[in-house]
PDB file of N, CA and C in Angstrom:
ATOM      1  N   MET A   1     -86.950 -23.950 -17.040  1.00  0.00           N
ATOM      2  CA  MET A   1     -85.593 -23.791 -16.577  1.00  0.00           C
ATOM      3  C   MET A   1     -85.531 -22.745 -15.466  1.00  0.00           C
ATOM      4  N   LEU A   2     -86.228 -21.653 -15.659  1.00  0.00           N
ATOM      5  CA  LEU A   2     -86.231 -20.612 -14.631  1.00  0.00           C
ATOM      6  C   LEU A   2     -86.897 -21.105 -13.359  1.00  0.00           C
ATOM      7  N   LEU A   3     -88.001 -21.835 -13.512  1.00  0.00           N
ATOM      8  CA  LEU A   3     -88.691 -22.340 -12.319  1.00  0.00           C
ATOM      9  C   LEU A   3     -87.871 -23.391 -11.592  1.00  0.00           C
ATOM     10  N   ASN A   4     -87.086 -24.191 -12.321  1.00  0.00           N
ATOM     11  CA  ASN A   4     -86.215 -25.170 -11.666  1.00  0.00           C
ATOM     12  C   ASN A   4     -85.142 -24.469 -10.847  1.00  0.00           C
ATOM     13  N   ASN A   5     -84.590 -23.383 -11.383  1.00  0.00           N
ATOM     14  CA  ASN A   5     -83.589 -22.629 -10.626  1.00  0.00           C
ATOM     15  C   ASN A   5     -84.208 -21.966  -9.404  1.00  0.00           C
ATOM     16  N   LEU A   6     -85.453 -21.537  -9.519  1.00  0.00           N
ATOM     17  CA  LEU A   6     -86.115 -20.917  -8.374  1.00  0.00           C
ATOM     18  C   LEU A   6     -86.422 -21.926  -7.279  1.00  0.00           C
ATOM     19  N   GLN A   7     -86.694 -23.171  -7.642  1.00  0.00           N
ATOM     20  CA  GLN A   7     -86.975 -24.183  -6.638  1.00  0.00           C
ATOM     21  C   GLN A   7     -85.728 -24.528  -5.830  1.00  0.00           C
ATOM     22  N   LYS A   8     -84.567 -24.373  -6.448  1.00  0.00           N
ATOM     23  CA  LYS A   8     -83.325 -24.687  -5.747  1.00  0.00           C
ATOM     24  C   LYS A   8     -82.952 -23.616  -4.725  1.00  0.00           C
ATOM     25  N   SER A   9     -83.320 -22.376  -4.994  1.00  0.00           N
ATOM     26  CA  SER A   9     -82.961 -21.303  -4.072  1.00  0.00           C
ATOM     27  C   SER A   9     -84.196 -20.455  -3.752  1.00  0.00           C
ATOM     28  N   PRO A  10     -84.851 -20.756  -2.625  1.00  0.00           N
ATOM     29  CA  PRO A  10     -86.059 -20.001  -2.282  1.00  0.00           C
ATOM     30  C   PRO A  10     -85.779 -18.540  -1.949  1.00  0.00           C
ATOM     31  N   GLU A  11     -84.537 -18.196  -1.621  1.00  0.00           N
ATOM     32  CA  GLU A  11     -84.208 -16.801  -1.325  1.00  0.00           C
ATOM     33  C   GLU A  11     -84.362 -15.927  -2.565  1.00  0.00           C
ATOM     34  N   LYS A  12     -84.143 -16.499  -3.741  1.00  0.00           N
ATOM     35  CA  LYS A  12     -84.298 -15.754  -4.985  1.00  0.00           C
ATOM     36  C   LYS A  12     -85.735 -15.800  -5.500  1.00  0.00           C
ATOM     37  N   ALA A  13     -86.494 -16.785  -5.059  1.00  0.00           N
ATOM     38  CA  ALA A  13     -87.853 -16.958  -5.572  1.00  0.00           C
ATOM     39  C   ALA A  13     -88.827 -15.954  -4.978  1.00  0.00           C
ATOM     40  N   VAL A  14     -88.634 -15.580  -3.736  1.00  0.00           N
ATOM     41  CA  VAL A  14     -89.575 -14.661  -3.080  1.00  0.00           C
ATOM     42  C   VAL A  14     -89.586 -13.292  -3.769  1.00  0.00           C
ATOM     43  N   PRO A  15     -88.423 -12.674  -4.062  1.00  0.00           N
ATOM     44  CA  PRO A  15     -88.487 -11.374  -4.754  1.00  0.00           C
ATOM     45  C   PRO A  15     -89.097 -11.462  -6.150  1.00  0.00           C
ATOM     46  N   ILE A  16     -88.881 -12.558  -6.844  1.00  0.00           N
ATOM     47  CA  ILE A  16     -89.461 -12.711  -8.182  1.00  0.00           C
ATOM     48  C   ILE A  16     -90.979 -12.851  -8.076  1.00  0.00           C
ATOM     49  N   GLY A  17     -91.439 -13.617  -7.102  1.00  0.00           N
ATOM     50  CA  GLY A  17     -92.880 -13.753  -6.893  1.00  0.00           C
ATOM     51  C   GLY A  17     -93.536 -12.430  -6.532  1.00  0.00           C
ATOM     52  N   MET A  18     -92.893 -11.668  -5.675  1.00  0.00           N
ATOM     53  CA  MET A  18     -93.445 -10.372  -5.295  1.00  0.00           C
ATOM     54  C   MET A  18     -93.381  -9.376  -6.450  1.00  0.00           C
ATOM     55  N   MET A  19     -92.374  -9.499  -7.307  1.00  0.00           N
ATOM     56  CA  MET A  19     -92.296  -8.648  -8.486  1.00  0.00           C
ATOM     57  C   MET A  19     -93.478  -8.915  -9.421  1.00  0.00           C
ATOM     58  N   LEU A  20     -93.812 -10.180  -9.612  1.00  0.00           N
ATOM     59  CA  LEU A  20     -94.948 -10.523 -10.459  1.00  0.00           C
ATOM     60  C   LEU A  20     -96.261 -10.017  -9.867  1.00  0.00           C
ATOM     61  N   VAL A  21     -96.401 -10.114  -8.558  1.00  0.00           N
ATOM     62  CA  VAL A  21     -97.608  -9.599  -7.905  1.00  0.00           C
ATOM     63  C   VAL A  21     -97.690  -8.081  -8.071  1.00  0.00           C
ATOM     64  N   THR A  22     -96.575  -7.394  -7.933  1.00  0.00           N
ATOM     65  CA  THR A  22     -96.553  -5.942  -8.076  1.00  0.00           C
ATOM     66  C   THR A  22     -96.899  -5.513  -9.495  1.00  0.00           C
ATOM     67  N   ILE A  23     -96.341  -6.205 -10.479  1.00  0.00           N
ATOM     68  CA  ILE A  23     -96.663  -5.891 -11.873  1.00  0.00           C
ATOM     69  C   ILE A  23     -98.139  -6.141 -12.144  1.00  0.00           C
ATOM     70  N   GLY A  24     -98.678  -7.223 -11.584  1.00  0.00           N
ATOM     71  CA  GLY A  24    -100.098  -7.513 -11.735  1.00  0.00           C
ATOM     72  C   GLY A  24    -100.973  -6.433 -11.118  1.00  0.00           C
ATOM     73  N   LEU A  25    -100.581  -5.938  -9.949  1.00  0.00           N
ATOM     74  CA  LEU A  25    -101.352  -4.869  -9.310  1.00  0.00           C
ATOM     75  C   LEU A  25    -101.294  -3.575 -10.119  1.00  0.00           C
ATOM     76  N   MET A  26    -100.136  -3.289 -10.712  1.00  0.00           N
ATOM     77  CA  MET A  26    -100.036  -2.097 -11.554  1.00  0.00           C
ATOM     78  C   MET A  26    -100.921  -2.228 -12.790  1.00  0.00           C
ATOM     79  N   MET A  27    -101.005  -3.435 -13.335  1.00  0.00           N
ATOM     80  CA  MET A  27    -101.865  -3.640 -14.498  1.00  0.00           C
ATOM     81  C   MET A  27    -103.338  -3.536 -14.113  1.00  0.00           C
ATOM     82  N   ILE A  28    -103.698  -3.952 -12.893  1.00  0.00           N
ATOM     83  CA  ILE A  28    -105.071  -3.776 -12.412  1.00  0.00           C
ATOM     84  C   ILE A  28    -105.407  -2.292 -12.342  1.00  0.00           C
ATOM     85  N   ILE A  29    -104.464  -1.482 -11.869  1.00  0.00           N
ATOM     86  CA  ILE A  29    -104.695  -0.039 -11.799  1.00  0.00           C
ATOM     87  C   ILE A  29    -104.902   0.534 -13.194  1.00  0.00           C
ATOM     88  N   VAL A  30    -104.103   0.073 -14.164  1.00  0.00           N
ATOM     89  CA  VAL A  30    -104.285   0.538 -15.547  1.00  0.00           C
ATOM     90  C   VAL A  30    -105.660   0.123 -16.066  1.00  0.00           C
ATOM     91  N   GLY A  31    -106.082  -1.096 -15.757  1.00  0.00           N
ATOM     92  CA  GLY A  31    -107.391  -1.557 -16.204  1.00  0.00           C
ATOM     93  C   GLY A  31    -108.535  -0.776 -15.588  1.00  0.00           C
ATOM     94  N   VAL A  32    -108.398  -0.427 -14.320  1.00  0.00           N
ATOM     95  CA  VAL A  32    -109.447   0.336 -13.653  1.00  0.00           C
ATOM     96  C   VAL A  32    -109.514   1.753 -14.225  1.00  0.00           C
ATOM     97  N   CYS A  33    -108.368   2.335 -14.500  1.00  0.00           N
ATOM     98  CA  CYS A  33    -108.326   3.712 -15.020  1.00  0.00           C
ATOM     99  C   CYS A  33    -108.440   3.766 -16.542  1.00  0.00           C
ATOM    100  N   TRP A  34    -108.711   2.649 -17.179  1.00  0.00           N
ATOM    101  CA  TRP A  34    -108.745   2.569 -18.641  1.00  0.00           C
ATOM    102  C   TRP A  34    -109.734   3.560 -19.255  1.00  0.00           C
ATOM    103  N   SER A  35    -110.888   3.705 -18.626  1.00  0.00           N
ATOM    104  CA  SER A  35    -111.919   4.574 -19.193  1.00  0.00           C
ATOM    105  C   SER A  35    -111.545   6.053 -19.093  1.00  0.00           C
ATOM    106  N   ARG A  36    -110.612   6.391 -18.250  1.00  0.00           N
ATOM    107  CA  ARG A  36    -110.180   7.781 -18.122  1.00  0.00           C
ATOM    108  C   ARG A  36    -109.202   8.189 -19.216  1.00  0.00           C
ATOM    109  N   PHE A  37    -108.590   7.209 -19.890  1.00  0.00           N
ATOM    110  CA  PHE A  37    -107.676   7.500 -20.987  1.00  0.00           C
ATOM    111  C   PHE A  37    -108.502   7.661 -22.254  1.00  0.00           C
ATOM    112  N   SER A  38    -108.799   8.874 -22.627  1.00  0.00           N
ATOM    113  CA  SER A  38    -109.709   9.103 -23.758  1.00  0.00           C
ATOM    114  C   SER A  38    -109.069   8.752 -25.093  1.00  0.00           C
ATOM    115  N   PHE A  39    -107.746   8.838 -25.185  1.00  0.00           N
ATOM    116  CA  PHE A  39    -107.112   8.540 -26.469  1.00  0.00           C
ATOM    117  C   PHE A  39    -107.233   7.068 -26.829  1.00  0.00           C
ATOM    118  N   LEU A  40    -107.357   6.184 -25.844  1.00  0.00           N
ATOM    119  CA  LEU A  40    -107.505   4.759 -26.146  1.00  0.00           C
ATOM    120  C   LEU A  40    -108.873   4.458 -26.755  1.00  0.00           C
ATOM    121  N   ALA A  41    -109.882   5.163 -26.315  1.00  0.00           N
ATOM    122  CA  ALA A  41    -111.226   4.929 -26.845  1.00  0.00           C
ATOM    123  C   ALA A  41    -111.336   5.367 -28.300  1.00  0.00           C
ATOM    124  N   HIS A  42    -110.568   6.367 -28.688  1.00  0.00           N
ATOM    125  CA  HIS A  42    -110.632   6.859 -30.058  1.00  0.00           C
ATOM    126  C   HIS A  42    -109.746   6.058 -31.010  1.00  0.00           C
ATOM    127  N   LEU A  43    -108.705   5.430 -30.478  1.00  0.00           N
ATOM    128  CA  LEU A  43    -107.818   4.657 -31.349  1.00  0.00           C
ATOM    129  C   LEU A  43    -108.508   3.394 -31.863  1.00  0.00           C
ATOM    130  N   TRP A  44    -109.055   2.610 -30.946  1.00  0.00           N
ATOM    131  CA  TRP A  44    -109.708   1.354 -31.308  1.00  0.00           C
ATOM    132  C   TRP A  44    -111.075   1.291 -30.630  1.00  0.00           C
ATOM    133  N   PRO A  45    -112.089   1.920 -31.183  1.00  0.00           N
ATOM    134  CA  PRO A  45    -113.381   1.937 -30.482  1.00  0.00           C
ATOM    135  C   PRO A  45    -114.016   0.556 -30.354  1.00  0.00           C
ATOM    136  N   ASN A  46    -113.783  -0.328 -31.312  1.00  0.00           N
ATOM    137  CA  ASN A  46    -114.393  -1.662 -31.250  1.00  0.00           C
ATOM    138  C   ASN A  46    -113.612  -2.608 -30.350  1.00  0.00           C
ATOM    139  N   ARG A  47    -112.342  -2.356 -30.158  1.00  0.00           N
ATOM    140  CA  ARG A  47    -111.495  -3.271 -29.389  1.00  0.00           C
ATOM    141  C   ARG A  47    -111.200  -2.772 -27.980  1.00  0.00           C
ATOM    142  N   ASN A  48    -111.787  -1.676 -27.600  1.00  0.00           N
ATOM    143  CA  ASN A  48    -111.488  -1.061 -26.312  1.00  0.00           C
ATOM    144  C   ASN A  48    -111.823  -1.992 -25.145  1.00  0.00           C
ATOM    145  N   ASP A  49    -113.020  -2.571 -25.129  1.00  0.00           N
ATOM    146  CA  ASP A  49    -113.416  -3.473 -24.044  1.00  0.00           C
ATOM    147  C   ASP A  49    -112.580  -4.751 -24.054  1.00  0.00           C
ATOM    148  N   PHE A  50    -112.262  -5.242 -25.258  1.00  0.00           N
ATOM    149  CA  PHE A  50    -111.441  -6.445 -25.353  1.00  0.00           C
ATOM    150  C   PHE A  50    -110.067  -6.214 -24.734  1.00  0.00           C
ATOM    151  N   LEU A  51    -109.424  -5.109 -25.070  1.00  0.00           N
ATOM    152  CA  LEU A  51    -108.094  -4.827 -24.540  1.00  0.00           C
ATOM    153  C   LEU A  51    -108.121  -4.590 -23.033  1.00  0.00           C
ATOM    154  N   ARG A  52    -109.183  -3.990 -22.553  1.00  0.00           N
ATOM    155  CA  ARG A  52    -109.313  -3.799 -21.107  1.00  0.00           C
ATOM    156  C   ARG A  52    -109.459  -5.148 -20.407  1.00  0.00           C
ATOM    157  N   GLY A  53    -110.240  -6.043 -20.983  1.00  0.00           N
ATOM    158  CA  GLY A  53    -110.391  -7.377 -20.412  1.00  0.00           C
ATOM    159  C   GLY A  53    -109.112  -8.183 -20.453  1.00  0.00           C
ATOM    160  N   VAL A  54    -108.353  -8.041 -21.543  1.00  0.00           N
ATOM    161  CA  VAL A  54    -107.068  -8.726 -21.638  1.00  0.00           C
ATOM    162  C   VAL A  54    -106.116  -8.206 -20.569  1.00  0.00           C
ATOM    163  N   THR A  55    -106.147  -6.904 -20.327  1.00  0.00           N
ATOM    164  CA  THR A  55    -105.300  -6.319 -19.285  1.00  0.00           C
ATOM    165  C   THR A  55    -105.647  -6.905 -17.919  1.00  0.00           C
ATOM    166  N   PHE A  56    -106.942  -7.002 -17.619  1.00  0.00           N
ATOM    167  CA  PHE A  56    -107.360  -7.607 -16.353  1.00  0.00           C
ATOM    168  C   PHE A  56    -106.950  -9.078 -16.286  1.00  0.00           C
ATOM    169  N   GLY A  57    -107.108  -9.807 -17.376  1.00  0.00           N
ATOM    170  CA  GLY A  57    -106.765 -11.225 -17.380  1.00  0.00           C
ATOM    171  C   GLY A  57    -105.289 -11.472 -17.160  1.00  0.00           C
ATOM    172  N   ILE A  58    -104.448 -10.704 -17.834  1.00  0.00           N
ATOM    173  CA  ILE A  58    -103.001 -10.853 -17.657  1.00  0.00           C
ATOM    174  C   ILE A  58    -102.604 -10.471 -16.234  1.00  0.00           C
ATOM    175  N   ALA A  59    -103.220  -9.431 -15.706  1.00  0.00           N
ATOM    176  CA  ALA A  59    -102.910  -8.991 -14.340  1.00  0.00           C
ATOM    177  C   ALA A  59    -103.262 -10.064 -13.323  1.00  0.00           C
ATOM    178  N   ILE A  60    -104.432 -10.651 -13.457  1.00  0.00           N
ATOM    179  CA  ILE A  60    -104.839 -11.699 -12.515  1.00  0.00           C
ATOM    180  C   ILE A  60    -103.934 -12.919 -12.653  1.00  0.00           C
ATOM    181  N   GLY A  61    -103.564 -13.253 -13.877  1.00  0.00           N
ATOM    182  CA  GLY A  61    -102.645 -14.371 -14.087  1.00  0.00           C
ATOM    183  C   GLY A  61    -101.275 -14.126 -13.467  1.00  0.00           C
ATOM    184  N   LEU A  62    -100.737 -12.925 -13.639  1.00  0.00           N
ATOM    185  CA  LEU A  62     -99.439 -12.595 -13.038  1.00  0.00           C
ATOM    186  C   LEU A  62     -99.502 -12.652 -11.520  1.00  0.00           C
ATOM    187  N   GLU A  63    -100.586 -12.164 -10.960  1.00  0.00           N
ATOM    188  CA  GLU A  63    -100.719 -12.209  -9.507  1.00  0.00           C
ATOM    189  C   GLU A  63    -100.805 -13.647  -9.003  1.00  0.00           C
ATOM    190  N   ALA A  64    -101.558 -14.479  -9.696  1.00  0.00           N
ATOM    191  CA  ALA A  64    -101.689 -15.877  -9.274  1.00  0.00           C
ATOM    192  C   ALA A  64    -100.358 -16.608  -9.364  1.00  0.00           C
ATOM    193  N   ILE A  65     -99.620 -16.393 -10.443  1.00  0.00           N
ATOM    194  CA  ILE A  65     -98.313 -17.039 -10.596  1.00  0.00           C
ATOM    195  C   ILE A  65     -97.344 -16.541  -9.534  1.00  0.00           C
ATOM    196  N   GLY A  66     -97.362 -15.232  -9.265  1.00  0.00           N
ATOM    197  CA  GLY A  66     -96.489 -14.677  -8.231  1.00  0.00           C
ATOM    198  C   GLY A  66     -96.774 -15.241  -6.856  1.00  0.00           C
ATOM    199  N   VAL A  67     -98.047 -15.384  -6.529  1.00  0.00           N
ATOM    200  CA  VAL A  67     -98.412 -15.953  -5.219  1.00  0.00           C
ATOM    201  C   VAL A  67     -98.006 -17.417  -5.150  1.00  0.00           C
ATOM    202  N   MET A  68     -98.180 -18.163  -6.232  1.00  0.00           N
ATOM    203  CA  MET A  68     -97.786 -19.578  -6.223  1.00  0.00           C
ATOM    204  C   MET A  68     -96.280 -19.732  -6.052  1.00  0.00           C
ATOM    205  N   ILE A  69     -95.495 -18.888  -6.727  1.00  0.00           N
ATOM    206  CA  ILE A  69     -94.035 -18.951  -6.580  1.00  0.00           C
ATOM    207  C   ILE A  69     -93.637 -18.618  -5.147  1.00  0.00           C
ATOM    208  N   ALA A  70     -94.248 -17.588  -4.576  1.00  0.00           N
ATOM    209  CA  ALA A  70     -93.920 -17.209  -3.196  1.00  0.00           C
ATOM    210  C   ALA A  70     -94.333 -18.297  -2.204  1.00  0.00           C
ATOM    211  N   LEU A  71     -95.474 -18.938  -2.418  1.00  0.00           N
ATOM    212  CA  LEU A  71     -95.901 -20.019  -1.522  1.00  0.00           C
ATOM    213  C   LEU A  71     -94.970 -21.223  -1.601  1.00  0.00           C
ATOM    214  N   LYS A  72     -94.538 -21.570  -2.801  1.00  0.00           N
ATOM    215  CA  LYS A  72     -93.598 -22.691  -2.946  1.00  0.00           C
ATOM    216  C   LYS A  72     -92.268 -22.370  -2.283  1.00  0.00           C
ATOM    217  N   ALA A  73     -91.825 -21.128  -2.409  1.00  0.00           N
ATOM    218  CA  ALA A  73     -90.572 -20.726  -1.763  1.00  0.00           C
ATOM    219  C   ALA A  73     -90.711 -20.772  -0.252  1.00  0.00           C
ATOM    220  N   ALA A  74     -91.839 -20.334   0.278  1.00  0.00           N
ATOM    221  CA  ALA A  74     -92.052 -20.369   1.728  1.00  0.00           C
ATOM    222  C   ALA A  74     -92.127 -21.804   2.235  1.00  0.00           C
ATOM    223  N   ALA A  75     -92.771 -22.673   1.453  1.00  0.00           N
ATOM    224  CA  ALA A  75     -92.869 -24.075   1.862  1.00  0.00           C
ATOM    225  C   ALA A  75     -91.509 -24.767   1.843  1.00  0.00           C
ATOM    226  N   SER A  76     -90.708 -24.485   0.827  1.00  0.00           N
ATOM    227  CA  SER A  76     -89.384 -25.117   0.763  1.00  0.00           C
ATOM    228  C   SER A  76     -88.461 -24.545   1.816  1.00  0.00           C
ATOM    229  N   ARG A  77     -88.644 -23.280   2.169  1.00  0.00           N
ATOM    230  CA  ARG A  77     -87.846 -22.684   3.238  1.00  0.00           C
ATOM    231  C   ARG A  77     -88.222 -23.301   4.584  1.00  0.00           C
ATOM    232  N   ALA A  78     -89.504 -23.575   4.773  1.00  0.00           N
ATOM    233  CA  ALA A  78     -89.968 -24.185   6.028  1.00  0.00           C
ATOM    234  C   ALA A  78     -89.459 -25.621   6.165  1.00  0.00           C
ATOM    235  N   ARG A  79     -89.359 -26.327   5.031  1.00  0.00           N
ATOM    236  CA  ARG A  79     -88.836 -27.700   5.075  1.00  0.00           C
ATOM    237  C   ARG A  79     -87.365 -27.727   5.460  1.00  0.00           C
ATOM    238  N   LYS A  80     -86.613 -26.719   5.034  1.00  0.00           N
ATOM    239  CA  LYS A  80     -85.167 -26.691   5.340  1.00  0.00           C
ATOM    240  C   LYS A  80     -84.906 -26.369   6.805  1.00  0.00           C
ATOM    241  N   LEU A  81     -85.844 -25.682   7.455  1.00  0.00           N
ATOM    242  CA  LEU A  81     -85.638 -25.336   8.872  1.00  0.00           C
ATOM    243  C   LEU A  81     -85.903 -26.498   9.736  1.00  0.00           C
TER     244      LEU A  81
END
């Protein structure tokens, strides 16, 4: 439903796509700095690498979805011109 509404108005889709890319980049920064947070290593020593990998995976997924939304909005905007 949200994606259908975004396809109808590309002006609203671009900020949402860029928001997803920004959130993904922030999660990449958290994943890179994960080893510097010592309290995380002590909380779950066996799951530390798993959670770091999940953080990277979600970040890459958010970035890919954000770029796809922005590309579709740009393409639909180009068709209207």
